[in-house]
């Protein structure tokens, strides 16, 4: 079954949550991230149609720290929920689930495959 496209409201709420989270991380206000030597970038926030749940996708500058950062962010999820509830006019502050964004890794994998001499040879035939 195909996923429905997100509504304009879902997109707006996701963007606003992204701004709030990114601002907190950028200013260094997340205590759980102290001592983790990696830059964290919030890539996307996907909000459920009922606005009660949100998946937050992020990347880090050090791939080896991805899981450590995910755990630290997940521990801070309630703090983030309180901030979102205070700054946004929503009936419910969504429950946050942090996930590592693997889209860049997938793109790199596809580029490696396309550069493979065997694949390049097949592409020239077509």
N, C-alpha and C. Protein backbone atom coordinates (compact mmCIF):
# COMPACT_ATOMS: atom_id res chain seq x y z
N UNK A 1 0.85 -1.18 0.00
CA UNK A 1 0.00 0.00 0.00
C UNK A 1 0.89 1.23 0.00
N UNK A 2 0.65 2.16 -0.89
CA UNK A 2 1.47 3.37 -1.02
C UNK A 2 1.11 4.37 0.08
N UNK A 3 2.13 5.07 0.56
CA UNK A 3 1.91 6.11 1.55
C UNK A 3 1.27 7.32 0.89
N UNK A 4 0.36 7.98 1.61
CA UNK A 4 -0.25 9.20 1.11
C UNK A 4 0.75 10.35 1.24
N UNK A 5 0.61 11.31 0.36
CA UNK A 5 1.43 12.51 0.46
C UNK A 5 1.05 13.26 1.74
N UNK A 6 2.03 13.88 2.41
CA UNK A 6 1.70 14.63 3.62
C UNK A 6 0.88 15.88 3.28
N UNK A 7 -0.01 16.25 4.19
CA UNK A 7 -0.82 17.45 3.99
C UNK A 7 0.03 18.70 4.21
N UNK A 8 -0.49 19.84 3.80
CA UNK A 8 0.23 21.10 4.01
C UNK A 8 0.44 21.35 5.50
N UNK A 9 -0.52 20.98 6.31
CA UNK A 9 -0.38 21.17 7.76
C UNK A 9 0.74 20.29 8.31
N UNK A 10 0.80 19.04 7.87
CA UNK A 10 1.88 18.16 8.32
C UNK A 10 3.24 18.75 7.93
N UNK A 11 3.35 19.25 6.72
CA UNK A 11 4.61 19.83 6.26
C UNK A 11 4.99 21.06 7.07
N UNK A 12 4.00 21.94 7.33
CA UNK A 12 4.29 23.16 8.11
C UNK A 12 4.71 22.82 9.54
N UNK A 13 3.99 21.89 10.16
CA UNK A 13 4.33 21.48 11.53
C UNK A 13 5.72 20.85 11.55
N UNK A 14 6.01 20.00 10.58
CA UNK A 14 7.33 19.37 10.50
C UNK A 14 8.44 20.39 10.36
N UNK A 15 8.24 21.39 9.51
CA UNK A 15 9.26 22.43 9.33
C UNK A 15 9.48 23.22 10.62
N UNK A 16 8.41 23.55 11.31
CA UNK A 16 8.53 24.31 12.55
C UNK A 16 9.25 23.49 13.62
N UNK A 17 8.93 22.22 13.72
CA UNK A 17 9.62 21.35 14.68
C UNK A 17 11.10 21.27 14.32
N UNK A 18 11.40 21.15 13.05
CA UNK A 18 12.79 21.09 12.59
C UNK A 18 13.54 22.35 13.02
N UNK A 19 12.93 23.52 12.87
CA UNK A 19 13.57 24.78 13.27
C UNK A 19 13.85 24.80 14.77
N UNK A 20 12.88 24.35 15.55
CA UNK A 20 13.04 24.35 17.01
C UNK A 20 14.17 23.41 17.43
N UNK A 21 14.17 22.19 16.90
CA UNK A 21 15.20 21.21 17.26
C UNK A 21 16.58 21.67 16.80
N UNK A 22 16.67 22.14 15.56
CA UNK A 22 17.96 22.58 15.03
C UNK A 22 18.50 23.75 15.84
N UNK A 23 17.63 24.67 16.23
CA UNK A 23 18.07 25.81 17.04
C UNK A 23 18.63 25.38 18.39
N UNK A 24 17.96 24.44 19.03
CA UNK A 24 18.44 23.94 20.32
C UNK A 24 19.80 23.25 20.18
N UNK A 25 19.94 22.43 19.15
CA UNK A 25 21.19 21.70 18.93
C UNK A 25 22.31 22.67 18.57
N UNK A 26 21.99 23.63 17.69
CA UNK A 26 23.01 24.60 17.24
C UNK A 26 23.53 25.45 18.39
N UNK A 27 22.65 25.85 19.29
CA UNK A 27 23.07 26.67 20.43
C UNK A 27 23.74 25.85 21.53
N UNK A 28 23.80 24.53 21.36
CA UNK A 28 24.45 23.68 22.35
C UNK A 28 23.66 23.52 23.63
N UNK A 29 22.34 23.59 23.52
CA UNK A 29 21.48 23.52 24.71
C UNK A 29 21.01 22.11 25.03
N UNK A 30 21.53 21.11 24.33
CA UNK A 30 21.15 19.72 24.57
C UNK A 30 22.27 19.07 25.38
N UNK A 31 22.04 18.92 26.68
CA UNK A 31 23.09 18.39 27.55
C UNK A 31 23.52 16.98 27.17
N UNK A 32 22.61 16.20 26.66
CA UNK A 32 22.94 14.81 26.30
C UNK A 32 23.98 14.74 25.18
N UNK A 33 24.11 15.79 24.38
CA UNK A 33 25.08 15.79 23.29
C UNK A 33 26.45 16.30 23.71
N UNK A 34 26.56 16.80 24.94
CA UNK A 34 27.86 17.26 25.42
C UNK A 34 28.83 16.09 25.48
N UNK A 35 30.04 16.30 25.02
CA UNK A 35 31.04 15.25 25.03
C UNK A 35 31.03 14.40 23.77
N UNK A 36 30.04 14.56 22.91
CA UNK A 36 30.01 13.85 21.64
C UNK A 36 30.57 14.80 20.59
N UNK A 37 31.73 14.44 20.07
CA UNK A 37 32.43 15.33 19.14
C UNK A 37 31.97 15.07 17.70
N UNK A 38 30.77 15.55 17.38
CA UNK A 38 30.23 15.39 16.03
C UNK A 38 29.17 16.47 15.80
N UNK A 39 29.14 17.01 14.60
CA UNK A 39 28.09 17.96 14.24
C UNK A 39 26.83 17.18 13.91
N UNK A 40 25.70 17.70 14.34
CA UNK A 40 24.42 17.05 14.11
C UNK A 40 23.56 17.97 13.24
N UNK A 41 22.98 17.42 12.18
CA UNK A 41 22.11 18.19 11.29
C UNK A 41 20.77 17.49 11.21
N UNK A 42 19.71 18.23 11.51
CA UNK A 42 18.35 17.71 11.36
C UNK A 42 17.99 17.85 9.89
N UNK A 43 17.72 16.73 9.23
CA UNK A 43 17.44 16.74 7.80
C UNK A 43 15.95 16.91 7.50
N UNK A 44 15.12 16.23 8.26
CA UNK A 44 13.69 16.23 7.95
C UNK A 44 12.90 15.79 9.16
N UNK A 45 11.69 16.31 9.28
CA UNK A 45 10.76 15.86 10.32
C UNK A 45 9.47 15.46 9.61
N UNK A 46 9.10 14.20 9.74
CA UNK A 46 7.86 13.69 9.14
C UNK A 46 6.84 13.50 10.25
N UNK A 47 5.73 14.21 10.12
CA UNK A 47 4.69 14.20 11.14
C UNK A 47 3.54 13.32 10.69
N UNK A 48 3.00 12.54 11.62
CA UNK A 48 1.85 11.68 11.33
C UNK A 48 0.62 12.53 11.02
N UNK A 49 -0.34 12.00 10.27
CA UNK A 49 -1.54 12.77 9.93
C UNK A 49 -2.29 13.34 11.14
N UNK A 50 -2.26 12.63 12.27
CA UNK A 50 -2.96 13.13 13.47
C UNK A 50 -2.08 14.08 14.29
N UNK A 51 -0.85 14.33 13.83
CA UNK A 51 0.13 15.24 14.47
C UNK A 51 0.55 14.78 15.86
N UNK A 52 0.33 13.52 16.20
CA UNK A 52 0.71 13.03 17.53
C UNK A 52 2.09 12.38 17.54
N UNK A 53 2.62 12.05 16.37
CA UNK A 53 3.92 11.40 16.28
C UNK A 53 4.75 12.08 15.20
N UNK A 54 6.06 12.12 15.43
CA UNK A 54 6.96 12.70 14.43
C UNK A 54 8.26 11.91 14.39
N UNK A 55 8.68 11.56 13.19
CA UNK A 55 10.00 10.94 12.99
C UNK A 55 10.97 12.04 12.60
N UNK A 56 12.06 12.13 13.35
CA UNK A 56 13.07 13.16 13.10
C UNK A 56 14.29 12.48 12.51
N UNK A 57 14.64 12.85 11.27
CA UNK A 57 15.78 12.26 10.57
C UNK A 57 16.97 13.20 10.67
N UNK A 58 18.13 12.65 11.05
CA UNK A 58 19.33 13.47 11.23
C UNK A 58 20.55 12.77 10.65
N UNK A 59 21.59 13.56 10.41
CA UNK A 59 22.90 13.03 10.03
C UNK A 59 23.93 13.64 10.96
N UNK A 60 25.08 12.99 11.05
CA UNK A 60 26.19 13.52 11.84
C UNK A 60 27.43 13.62 10.96
N UNK A 61 28.39 14.39 11.44
CA UNK A 61 29.63 14.55 10.68
C UNK A 61 30.55 13.35 10.85
N UNK A 62 30.28 12.51 11.84
CA UNK A 62 31.09 11.32 12.10
C UNK A 62 30.16 10.11 12.15
N UNK A 63 30.22 9.29 11.10
CA UNK A 63 29.29 8.16 11.00
C UNK A 63 29.38 7.20 12.18
N UNK A 64 30.56 7.06 12.77
CA UNK A 64 30.74 6.15 13.90
C UNK A 64 29.96 6.61 15.13
N UNK A 65 29.58 7.87 15.17
CA UNK A 65 28.86 8.43 16.33
C UNK A 65 27.34 8.43 16.14
N UNK A 66 26.86 7.95 15.00
CA UNK A 66 25.43 8.02 14.68
C UNK A 66 24.55 7.43 15.78
N UNK A 67 24.86 6.22 16.19
CA UNK A 67 24.01 5.55 17.18
C UNK A 67 24.09 6.25 18.54
N UNK A 68 25.27 6.69 18.91
CA UNK A 68 25.45 7.41 20.18
C UNK A 68 24.63 8.71 20.17
N UNK A 69 24.66 9.42 19.06
CA UNK A 69 23.89 10.66 18.92
C UNK A 69 22.39 10.36 18.94
N UNK A 70 21.98 9.29 18.26
CA UNK A 70 20.55 8.93 18.24
C UNK A 70 20.05 8.66 19.65
N UNK A 71 20.84 7.91 20.42
CA UNK A 71 20.45 7.62 21.80
C UNK A 71 20.37 8.88 22.64
N UNK A 72 21.34 9.78 22.46
CA UNK A 72 21.35 11.04 23.22
C UNK A 72 20.13 11.90 22.86
N UNK A 73 19.82 11.97 21.58
CA UNK A 73 18.65 12.76 21.16
C UNK A 73 17.36 12.13 21.67
N UNK A 74 17.28 10.80 21.63
CA UNK A 74 16.07 10.13 22.10
C UNK A 74 15.88 10.36 23.60
N UNK A 75 16.98 10.40 24.35
CA UNK A 75 16.88 10.69 25.78
C UNK A 75 16.37 12.11 26.03
N UNK A 76 16.66 13.01 25.11
CA UNK A 76 16.23 14.41 25.25
C UNK A 76 14.85 14.66 24.63
N UNK A 77 14.19 13.62 24.15
CA UNK A 77 12.92 13.78 23.44
C UNK A 77 11.85 14.48 24.29
N UNK A 78 11.76 14.15 25.56
CA UNK A 78 10.75 14.81 26.40
C UNK A 78 11.04 16.29 26.56
N UNK A 79 12.31 16.64 26.68
CA UNK A 79 12.70 18.06 26.74
C UNK A 79 12.26 18.77 25.47
N UNK A 80 12.51 18.14 24.32
CA UNK A 80 12.12 18.72 23.04
C UNK A 80 10.59 18.85 22.95
N UNK A 81 9.88 17.86 23.43
CA UNK A 81 8.40 17.91 23.40
C UNK A 81 7.88 19.09 24.19
N UNK A 82 8.47 19.35 25.34
CA UNK A 82 8.04 20.49 26.16
C UNK A 82 8.29 21.79 25.41
N UNK A 83 9.45 21.89 24.76
CA UNK A 83 9.75 23.10 23.99
C UNK A 83 8.75 23.29 22.85
N UNK A 84 8.48 22.21 22.14
CA UNK A 84 7.53 22.28 21.02
C UNK A 84 6.16 22.68 21.53
N UNK A 85 5.74 22.10 22.64
CA UNK A 85 4.44 22.45 23.22
C UNK A 85 4.36 23.91 23.63
N UNK A 86 5.45 24.46 24.13
CA UNK A 86 5.46 25.85 24.57
C UNK A 86 5.52 26.83 23.40
N UNK A 87 6.19 26.44 22.32
CA UNK A 87 6.40 27.37 21.19
C UNK A 87 5.38 27.25 20.07
N UNK A 88 4.66 26.16 20.02
CA UNK A 88 3.71 25.96 18.93
C UNK A 88 2.29 25.83 19.48
N UNK A 89 1.34 26.26 18.70
CA UNK A 89 -0.06 26.17 19.11
C UNK A 89 -0.66 24.87 18.58
N UNK A 90 -0.33 23.79 19.24
CA UNK A 90 -0.85 22.48 18.87
C UNK A 90 -1.62 21.91 20.04
N UNK A 91 -2.62 21.11 19.73
CA UNK A 91 -3.38 20.46 20.81
C UNK A 91 -2.48 19.49 21.57
N UNK A 92 -1.64 18.75 20.81
CA UNK A 92 -0.70 17.81 21.43
C UNK A 92 0.68 18.08 20.88
N UNK A 93 1.67 18.01 21.75
CA UNK A 93 3.06 18.05 21.27
C UNK A 93 3.38 16.63 20.81
N UNK A 94 3.84 16.48 19.59
CA UNK A 94 4.05 15.12 19.06
C UNK A 94 5.15 14.36 19.80
N UNK A 95 4.96 13.05 19.86
CA UNK A 95 5.98 12.16 20.41
C UNK A 95 7.07 12.04 19.34
N UNK A 96 8.32 12.28 19.74
CA UNK A 96 9.44 12.31 18.80
C UNK A 96 10.19 10.99 18.76
N UNK A 97 10.50 10.54 17.56
CA UNK A 97 11.29 9.33 17.36
C UNK A 97 12.46 9.72 16.45
N UNK A 98 13.67 9.64 16.97
CA UNK A 98 14.85 10.05 16.20
C UNK A 98 15.39 8.88 15.39
N UNK A 99 15.69 9.16 14.12
CA UNK A 99 16.19 8.14 13.20
C UNK A 99 17.38 8.68 12.41
N UNK A 100 18.31 7.80 12.13
CA UNK A 100 19.49 8.18 11.34
C UNK A 100 19.07 8.23 9.87
N UNK A 101 19.36 9.34 9.21
CA UNK A 101 19.01 9.50 7.79
C UNK A 101 20.05 8.77 6.94
N UNK A 102 19.62 7.76 6.24
CA UNK A 102 20.54 6.96 5.43
C UNK A 102 20.47 7.30 3.94
N UNK A 103 19.75 8.35 3.58
CA UNK A 103 19.57 8.65 2.16
C UNK A 103 20.89 9.00 1.48
N UNK A 104 21.80 9.69 2.17
CA UNK A 104 23.09 10.02 1.56
C UNK A 104 23.92 8.77 1.32
N UNK A 105 23.85 7.83 2.24
CA UNK A 105 24.59 6.57 2.07
C UNK A 105 24.03 5.80 0.88
N UNK A 106 22.72 5.82 0.70
CA UNK A 106 22.10 5.13 -0.43
C UNK A 106 22.51 5.77 -1.76
N UNK A 107 22.57 7.10 -1.79
CA UNK A 107 23.00 7.80 -3.01
C UNK A 107 24.45 7.45 -3.33
N UNK A 108 25.31 7.45 -2.32
CA UNK A 108 26.72 7.10 -2.54
C UNK A 108 26.85 5.67 -3.05
N UNK A 109 26.04 4.77 -2.52
CA UNK A 109 26.07 3.37 -2.97
C UNK A 109 25.66 3.28 -4.44
N UNK A 110 24.61 3.99 -4.82
CA UNK A 110 24.16 3.98 -6.22
C UNK A 110 25.23 4.56 -7.15
N UNK A 111 25.89 5.64 -6.72
CA UNK A 111 26.94 6.24 -7.54
C UNK A 111 28.11 5.28 -7.72
N UNK A 112 28.47 4.56 -6.67
CA UNK A 112 29.54 3.56 -6.77
C UNK A 112 29.16 2.48 -7.77
N UNK A 113 27.92 2.03 -7.70
CA UNK A 113 27.46 1.01 -8.64
C UNK A 113 27.49 1.51 -10.08
N UNK A 114 27.08 2.74 -10.29
CA UNK A 114 27.06 3.29 -11.65
C UNK A 114 28.47 3.50 -12.20
N UNK A 115 29.44 3.72 -11.32
CA UNK A 115 30.83 3.89 -11.76
C UNK A 115 31.54 2.56 -11.98
N UNK A 116 30.94 1.48 -11.57
CA UNK A 116 31.52 0.15 -11.76
C UNK A 116 31.75 -0.07 -13.26
N UNK A 117 32.95 -0.51 -13.66
CA UNK A 117 33.25 -0.69 -15.09
C UNK A 117 32.25 -1.59 -15.82
N UNK A 118 31.78 -2.64 -15.16
CA UNK A 118 30.82 -3.54 -15.81
C UNK A 118 29.49 -2.82 -16.10
N UNK A 119 29.04 -2.03 -15.13
CA UNK A 119 27.79 -1.29 -15.31
C UNK A 119 27.98 -0.21 -16.37
N UNK A 120 29.11 0.49 -16.32
CA UNK A 120 29.38 1.55 -17.30
C UNK A 120 29.40 0.96 -18.72
N UNK A 121 29.95 -0.22 -18.86
CA UNK A 121 30.00 -0.89 -20.16
C UNK A 121 28.57 -1.18 -20.66
N UNK A 122 27.72 -1.66 -19.77
CA UNK A 122 26.33 -1.93 -20.14
C UNK A 122 25.57 -0.65 -20.50
N UNK A 123 25.88 0.43 -19.79
CA UNK A 123 25.19 1.68 -20.07
C UNK A 123 25.58 2.24 -21.45
N UNK A 124 26.82 2.00 -21.86
CA UNK A 124 27.27 2.49 -23.18
C UNK A 124 26.57 1.74 -24.30
N UNK A 125 26.22 0.47 -24.07
CA UNK A 125 25.54 -0.32 -25.10
C UNK A 125 24.12 0.18 -25.35
N UNK A 126 23.50 0.70 -24.35
CA UNK A 126 22.10 1.12 -24.46
C UNK A 126 21.92 2.40 -25.18
